[in-house]
Protein backbone atom coordinates (compact mmCIF):
# COMPACT_ATOMS: atom_id res chain seq x y z
CA MET A 1 -8.70 32.77 28.67
CA THR A 2 -11.71 32.94 31.65
CA GLU A 3 -11.34 28.95 31.99
CA ARG A 4 -7.63 28.70 32.78
CA GLU A 5 -6.97 27.56 36.20
CA ILE A 6 -5.70 30.45 38.64
CA PRO A 7 -2.53 29.97 39.67
CA GLU A 8 -2.41 30.09 44.08
CA GLN A 9 0.00 33.21 43.76
CA TYR A 10 -2.93 35.16 42.89
CA LEU A 11 -4.43 34.14 46.43
CA ASP A 12 -1.35 34.70 47.94
CA GLY A 13 -1.69 35.20 52.09
CA TYR A 14 -5.47 34.54 51.27
CA ALA A 15 -6.38 31.94 53.43
CA HIS A 16 -4.10 33.49 56.57
CA ILE A 17 -5.82 36.97 56.48
CA LEU A 18 -9.70 35.14 56.66
CA ALA A 19 -8.41 33.30 59.32
CA GLU A 20 -7.05 36.16 61.57
CA VAL A 21 -9.82 38.07 60.66
CA ALA A 22 -12.15 35.62 61.94
CA ALA A 23 -10.01 35.33 64.88
CA THR A 24 -9.88 39.34 65.80
CA GLY A 25 -12.62 40.88 64.18
CA ARG A 26 -10.11 43.36 62.64
CA ARG A 27 -10.51 45.10 59.42
CA LEU A 28 -7.72 44.58 56.33
CA THR A 29 -4.74 47.18 57.53
CA ARG A 30 -3.57 49.22 54.75
CA ASP A 31 -0.76 47.03 53.45
CA GLU A 32 -2.98 44.46 53.36
CA ILE A 33 -5.51 46.00 50.83
CA ALA A 34 -2.21 47.22 48.63
CA SER A 35 -1.25 43.70 48.43
CA ARG A 36 -4.54 42.64 46.62
CA ARG A 37 -4.32 45.66 44.24
CA ALA A 38 -1.47 44.85 43.26
CA LEU A 39 -2.22 41.12 42.85
CA GLY A 40 -5.26 42.61 40.99
CA GLU A 41 -2.99 44.23 38.49
CA ARG A 42 -0.91 41.61 38.38
CA ALA A 43 -3.81 39.08 37.22
CA ALA A 44 -5.43 41.66 34.77
CA GLU A 45 -1.52 41.49 32.77
CA ALA A 46 -1.75 37.96 32.95
CA GLY A 47 -4.43 37.63 30.66
CA PHE A 48 -6.80 35.95 33.52
CA GLY A 49 -10.79 37.24 33.59
CA LEU A 50 -11.78 38.73 35.93
CA ARG A 51 -15.07 36.32 36.71
CA SER A 52 -12.68 33.27 36.99
CA LEU A 53 -10.52 35.12 39.42
CA VAL A 54 -13.90 35.65 41.51
CA SER A 55 -14.13 32.76 41.43
CA ALA A 56 -11.41 31.34 42.86
CA HIS A 57 -11.43 33.96 45.80
CA LEU A 58 -15.34 32.26 46.62
CA SER A 59 -13.66 28.94 46.33
CA GLY A 60 -10.40 29.59 48.43
CA ALA A 61 -13.10 31.38 51.25
CA ARG A 62 -14.96 28.31 51.63
CA GLY A 63 -11.79 26.27 52.15
CA ALA A 64 -10.80 28.66 54.67
CA TRP A 65 -14.09 29.82 56.41
CA PRO A 66 -14.30 30.14 59.65
CA ARG A 67 -16.38 27.22 62.51
CA GLY A 68 -18.33 28.44 65.35
CA ALA A 69 -19.60 31.62 66.04
CA ALA A 70 -21.31 33.83 64.10
CA GLU A 71 -19.59 37.07 64.65
CA SER A 72 -16.85 35.33 63.25
CA ALA A 73 -18.69 33.93 60.31
CA ASP A 74 -19.31 37.77 59.89
CA GLY A 75 -15.81 39.33 59.97
CA ALA A 76 -15.03 36.80 57.37
CA LEU A 77 -17.72 37.79 54.91
CA ALA A 78 -16.48 41.24 55.74
CA ALA A 79 -12.77 40.40 54.98
CA VAL A 80 -13.59 38.79 51.68
CA GLN A 81 -15.76 41.71 50.43
CA GLN A 82 -12.69 43.98 51.26
CA VAL A 83 -10.20 41.38 49.55
CA VAL A 84 -12.69 41.49 46.34
CA ASP A 85 -13.19 44.94 46.01
CA ALA A 86 -9.40 45.69 46.37
CA PHE A 87 -7.99 42.77 44.20
CA ALA A 88 -11.12 44.27 41.35
CA GLU A 89 -9.51 47.50 41.58
CA GLY A 90 -5.91 46.76 41.05
CA TYR A 91 -7.67 44.36 37.80
CA GLU A 92 -9.78 47.46 36.66
CA ARG A 93 -6.38 50.29 37.06
CA ALA A 94 -4.47 47.29 35.07
CA GLN A 95 -7.30 47.36 32.52
CA ARG A 96 -7.76 51.28 32.49
CA LEU A 97 -4.07 51.83 31.86
CA ALA A 98 -3.83 48.71 29.04
CA VAL A 99 -6.64 50.49 27.55
CA ARG A 100 -5.06 53.52 27.36
CA GLN A 101 -1.67 52.08 26.29
CA GLU A 102 -3.92 50.29 23.25
CA GLU A 103 -5.28 53.39 22.40
CA ALA A 104 -1.85 55.67 22.03
CA ALA A 105 -0.13 52.81 20.11
CA ARG A 106 -3.18 52.52 17.84
CA ARG A 107 -3.16 56.01 17.33
CA GLU A 108 0.40 56.33 16.27
CA PHE A 109 -0.14 53.69 13.97
CA ILE A 110 -2.93 55.40 12.14
CA ASP A 111 -0.76 58.68 11.85
CA ASP A 112 1.97 56.89 10.69
CA LEU A 113 -0.53 55.02 8.51
CA LEU A 114 -1.92 58.09 6.93
CA TYR A 115 0.85 60.46 6.71
CA GLY A 116 3.57 57.30 5.62
CA ARG A 117 5.85 58.33 8.29
CA SER A 118 6.93 54.75 9.13
CA ASP A 119 9.87 52.01 7.92
CA LEU A 120 7.67 50.69 5.52
CA GLY A 121 8.56 46.69 6.50
CA ARG A 122 7.89 47.65 10.31
CA LEU A 123 4.48 49.71 9.40
CA ALA A 124 3.53 45.79 8.26
CA GLU A 125 4.17 44.14 10.97
CA ARG A 126 1.98 46.94 13.12
CA ALA A 127 -0.52 47.10 10.67
CA GLU A 128 -1.07 42.69 11.22
CA ARG A 129 -1.97 43.80 14.99
CA PHE A 130 -5.09 45.52 13.58
CA GLY A 131 -6.22 43.43 11.32
CA LEU A 132 -4.76 44.64 8.11
CA ARG A 133 -2.28 43.12 5.85
CA LEU A 134 -0.83 46.06 3.99
CA SER A 135 0.59 43.40 1.47
CA HIS A 136 -3.21 43.50 0.31
CA GLU A 137 -5.24 45.72 -1.88
CA HIS A 138 -6.69 48.28 0.51
CA ALA A 139 -9.53 51.28 -0.25
CA VAL A 140 -10.37 54.19 2.46
CA ALA A 141 -13.23 55.95 2.79
CA VAL A 142 -14.08 59.12 4.34
CA ALA A 143 -17.09 60.69 5.84
CA ARG A 144 -17.33 63.74 7.50
CA GLY A 145 -20.62 65.38 9.40
CA VAL A 146 -21.70 69.15 10.46
CA ALA A 147 -19.38 67.98 14.03
CA ALA A 148 -16.51 67.15 14.15
CA TYR A 149 -16.02 63.69 15.41
CA ASP A 150 -13.22 61.83 17.60
CA GLU A 151 -12.81 57.71 18.69
CA GLY A 152 -14.75 57.93 21.97
CA ASP A 153 -17.67 59.79 20.77
CA PRO A 154 -20.98 58.17 19.78
CA VAL A 155 -21.64 58.79 16.45
CA PRO A 156 -17.74 56.67 15.98
CA ARG A 157 -19.46 54.12 18.26
CA GLN A 158 -22.69 53.88 16.74
CA VAL A 159 -21.16 53.57 12.48
CA GLU A 160 -18.79 50.69 14.37
CA ARG A 161 -21.61 48.50 15.72
CA ALA A 162 -23.46 48.46 13.10
CA LEU A 163 -20.18 47.13 10.80
CA ILE A 164 -19.21 45.08 13.25
CA SER A 165 -22.68 43.45 13.47
CA ARG A 166 -23.25 42.80 10.02
CA PHE A 167 -19.56 41.66 9.12
CA GLY A 168 -18.08 40.98 11.79
CA ASP A 169 -14.24 42.15 12.48
CA ARG A 170 -13.70 41.26 8.50
CA SER A 171 -10.48 43.01 8.44
CA ILE A 172 -11.75 46.26 9.11
CA LEU A 173 -10.17 48.92 10.72
CA LEU A 174 -12.40 52.22 11.50
CA THR A 175 -11.55 54.99 13.32
CA THR A 176 -11.37 59.41 13.08
CA LYS A 177 -8.73 61.70 12.02
CA ASP A 178 -9.07 65.22 11.60
CA GLY A 179 -12.50 65.23 13.03
CA ARG A 180 -13.71 62.63 10.21
CA LEU A 181 -14.90 59.08 10.07
CA LEU A 182 -12.23 56.41 8.23
CA CYS A 183 -12.98 53.14 7.62
CA ILE A 184 -10.35 51.24 5.68
CA ALA A 185 -11.34 47.90 4.15
CA PRO A 186 -10.13 45.28 1.82
CA GLY A 187 -9.92 46.82 -1.53
CA HIS A 188 -11.81 44.09 -2.98
CA GLN A 189 -14.76 43.85 0.05
CA THR A 190 -16.34 47.19 -1.48
CA GLU A 191 -20.09 45.99 -0.08
CA VAL A 192 -17.85 46.96 3.50
CA LEU A 193 -17.42 50.56 2.31
CA THR A 194 -21.07 50.88 0.87
CA TYR A 195 -22.71 49.52 3.91
CA PHE A 196 -20.21 52.53 5.91
CA ALA A 197 -21.29 55.36 3.71
CA LYS A 198 -24.92 54.38 3.90
CA GLN A 199 -24.35 54.19 7.51
CA ALA A 200 -22.02 56.95 8.25
CA HIS A 201 -24.10 59.47 5.87
CA ALA A 202 -27.42 58.38 8.83
CA ALA A 203 -25.24 58.71 12.04
CA THR A 204 -24.02 61.90 10.51
CA ASP A 205 -27.23 63.70 9.42
CA GLY A 206 -27.14 63.44 6.07
CA GLY A 207 -22.93 64.22 6.30
CA GLN A 208 -21.47 63.12 2.90
CA VAL A 209 -18.63 60.13 2.41
CA ALA A 210 -15.77 60.09 -0.23
CA ILE A 211 -14.36 56.23 -1.45
CA GLY A 212 -10.67 56.59 -2.68
CA ARG A 213 -9.95 53.56 -5.04
CA PRO A 214 -8.23 50.01 -3.98
CA GLN A 215 -4.68 50.41 -4.03
CA SER A 216 -2.01 47.81 -3.41
CA GLY A 217 1.07 47.83 -0.69
CA PRO A 218 1.98 49.36 2.59
CA GLY A 219 1.58 52.95 0.68
CA GLY A 220 -1.85 52.33 -0.50
CA VAL A 221 -3.97 53.38 1.93
CA VAL A 222 -2.13 56.51 1.77
CA GLN A 223 -2.84 56.89 -1.95
CA SER A 224 -6.58 56.34 -1.14
CA TYR A 225 -7.52 58.17 1.57
CA GLU A 226 -5.69 60.54 -0.36
CA GLU A 227 -8.17 60.07 -3.14
CA ALA A 228 -11.44 60.15 -0.31
CA LEU A 229 -9.72 63.75 0.57
CA GLY A 230 -9.47 65.63 -2.69
CA SER A 231 -12.57 63.97 -3.61
CA LEU A 232 -14.59 65.91 -0.64
CA GLU A 233 -12.47 69.09 -1.28
CA ILE A 234 -13.38 69.12 -5.25
CA ALA A 235 -17.15 68.27 -3.98
CA GLU A 236 -17.21 71.44 -2.05
CA ARG A 237 -15.54 73.45 -4.53
CA LEU A 238 -18.08 72.42 -7.40
CA GLY A 239 -21.21 72.05 -4.68
CA LEU A 240 -21.44 68.31 -5.43
CA ASP A 241 -24.40 67.21 -2.69
CA ASP A 242 -23.92 63.49 -3.83
CA PRO A 243 -23.95 61.23 -0.43
CA VAL A 244 -21.95 59.20 -1.53
CA LEU A 245 -19.01 60.53 -4.00
CA ARG A 246 -16.51 57.78 -5.84
CA ALA A 247 -12.73 58.97 -6.68
CA ALA A 248 -12.97 56.72 -9.82
CA ASP A 249 -16.14 58.62 -10.91
CA LEU A 250 -14.17 62.33 -10.63
CA LEU A 251 -10.84 61.16 -11.92
CA VAL A 252 -10.91 63.86 -14.06
CA TYR A 253 -11.30 66.89 -12.18
CA PRO A 254 -7.49 66.17 -10.47
CA VAL A 255 -6.62 65.82 -14.07
CA LEU A 256 -7.76 69.19 -15.00
CA ALA A 257 -6.58 70.74 -11.68
CA ARG A 258 -3.28 69.81 -11.91
CA ASP A 259 -1.46 72.52 -14.06
CA ARG A 260 -2.71 75.22 -12.04
CA GLN A 261 -1.22 77.95 -14.16
CA ALA A 262 -3.10 76.74 -17.55
CA MET A 263 -6.09 76.04 -15.77
CA ALA A 264 -6.05 79.95 -14.12
CA ASP A 265 -4.87 80.93 -18.19
CA LEU A 266 -8.00 79.18 -19.50
CA VAL A 267 -10.59 80.82 -17.31
CA HIS A 268 -9.07 84.09 -17.87
CA ASN A 269 -8.97 84.52 -21.26
CA THR A 270 -12.49 82.00 -21.53
CA LEU A 271 -14.32 83.74 -19.26
CA GLY A 272 -12.19 86.71 -17.82
CA PRO A 273 -15.07 88.97 -19.90
CA LEU A 274 -17.68 87.77 -17.56
CA THR A 275 -16.22 90.53 -15.08
CA MET A 276 -17.36 93.30 -17.35
CA ALA A 277 -21.85 92.84 -17.14
CA ARG A 278 -23.77 94.06 -14.69
CA GLY A 279 -23.63 92.75 -11.68
CA GLY A 280 -20.50 90.61 -12.31
CA ALA A 281 -19.27 87.33 -13.46
CA GLN A 282 -20.71 85.18 -10.77
CA PRO A 283 -24.49 85.39 -11.93
CA LEU A 284 -23.90 84.48 -15.50
CA LEU A 285 -20.94 81.86 -14.23
CA ASP A 286 -23.82 80.47 -12.24
CA THR A 287 -26.31 80.45 -15.83
CA LEU A 288 -23.25 77.98 -17.61
CA THR A 289 -23.11 75.73 -14.43
CA ALA A 290 -26.93 75.36 -13.90
CA TYR A 291 -27.01 75.31 -18.05
CA PHE A 292 -24.10 72.44 -18.42
CA ASP A 293 -25.21 70.04 -14.88
CA SER A 294 -28.58 70.41 -16.42
CA GLY A 295 -27.64 68.81 -19.51
CA CYS A 296 -27.89 72.22 -21.56
CA VAL A 297 -31.45 71.90 -21.53
CA ALA A 298 -32.77 75.65 -20.98
CA ALA A 299 -35.95 74.54 -19.54
CA GLU A 300 -34.24 72.53 -16.97
CA ALA A 301 -31.75 75.18 -16.01
CA ALA A 302 -34.25 78.12 -16.13
CA ARG A 303 -35.99 75.90 -13.52
CA ARG A 304 -32.97 75.54 -11.11
CA LEU A 305 -32.00 78.94 -11.29
CA SER A 306 -36.19 79.73 -10.46
CA LEU A 307 -35.84 82.02 -13.60
CA SER A 308 -38.02 82.28 -16.88
CA VAL A 309 -37.35 80.72 -20.04
CA ARG A 310 -36.58 83.72 -22.08
CA ALA A 311 -34.47 85.18 -19.21
CA LEU A 312 -32.33 82.45 -19.49
CA THR A 313 -32.04 82.80 -22.73
CA TYR A 314 -31.23 86.69 -22.64
CA ARG A 315 -28.57 85.45 -20.64
CA LEU A 316 -27.07 82.82 -22.33
CA GLU A 317 -26.56 85.22 -25.54
CA ARG A 318 -24.85 87.93 -22.82
CA ILE A 319 -22.15 85.65 -22.39
CA HIS A 320 -22.23 84.75 -25.86
CA LYS A 321 -22.05 88.50 -26.97
CA LEU A 322 -19.42 88.88 -24.14
CA THR A 323 -16.93 85.88 -24.51
CA GLY A 324 -17.06 85.35 -28.33
CA ALA A 325 -17.94 82.07 -27.18
CA ASN A 326 -21.92 80.51 -27.77
CA PRO A 327 -22.99 78.06 -24.68
CA SER A 328 -25.03 76.39 -27.83
CA ASP A 329 -22.79 75.64 -30.16
CA ALA A 330 -20.77 71.91 -29.90
CA ALA A 331 -17.74 73.50 -30.90
CA HIS A 332 -17.76 76.50 -27.80
CA ARG A 333 -19.56 73.81 -25.76
CA TYR A 334 -16.50 72.46 -24.43
CA MET A 335 -14.10 74.55 -24.18
CA LEU A 336 -16.99 76.96 -21.57
CA GLN A 337 -17.75 73.92 -19.76
CA THR A 338 -13.89 73.37 -18.95
CA ALA A 339 -13.34 76.31 -18.19
CA VAL A 340 -16.45 76.62 -15.96
CA ILE A 341 -15.50 73.82 -13.95
CA GLY A 342 -11.79 75.40 -14.07
CA ALA A 343 -13.16 78.90 -12.52
CA ARG A 344 -14.46 76.77 -9.59
CA LEU A 345 -11.82 74.55 -8.87
CA LEU A 346 -9.82 77.61 -8.57
CA ASP A 347 -12.73 79.59 -6.92
CA TRP A 348 -13.05 82.22 -9.28
CA PRO A 349 -13.76 85.30 -9.60
CA ALA A 350 -14.16 85.20 -5.44
CA GLY A 351 -10.48 84.77 -5.54
CA GLU A 352 -7.75 86.32 -7.44
CA LEU A 353 -6.25 83.45 -10.30
């Protein structure tokens, strides 16, 4: 772009201004400055590089440079400075407007893409402008940190620089949504989202990242995005602190939560009696959670709860007595563990079933 020859129309009237200023010593008029700004805007809109435009102005100055007194040369030099300054101001103003318009178009596209509010055919056409081919598989990673992030913030820019430095553009779209970082990448390029997760985790001071499964078609991005969001929600409810969550590894939880009423009945019938314990159900529910998370190893569960093994064993016996289900018995274990997961998904006993 910067190698193209600059048409004379962007230097219109320039030589005449220099000659008159050199002859009279006057400064540029308001109209002359306004005309230079307007030419700068039009040159920016036409896609010419500022460096080439400034070079053309300097070349034009050499051709129209006054021959004579030093005062004339000094006046002409001052005029060149005014012309180039006004021209660059107009050029930069046009660029700022173009950037704002591009940002608005990008934000509108992302909103339509993630909410599926636009005609799919038109959406696919717009996606190509941002390097996405929606007919192919895509996967979405979502990162959340301690703060909410906007697209121009230092953290998103840091992560974007790291991705571009490692992979180039590679049809990657990095943006923000509702304060979270998002990365959309072709489904077969798993290394991109893995690297994004690593960079986002570090940049957000230990934030958590969820990666949705690759999905095909214009609606595939929405599906993968919703899977990633769902994984973050599940992690919050279940207290999962893994830095990277993969929706493919958590599919059992949406299945369990799909029939809320059935899950609520299971929790109520299986764990409801724990509310009769002194101190309520929560300590015993925490005991079951630690016991199952530790692979039903009493010593490890006791360590996680900062209890003695004897105290943990007492709690398990108390659970058995109240519920009639023995956590140490394989025949009862699956029902109890499923009920415990359901309780955490439904935020019981803090919330009503």
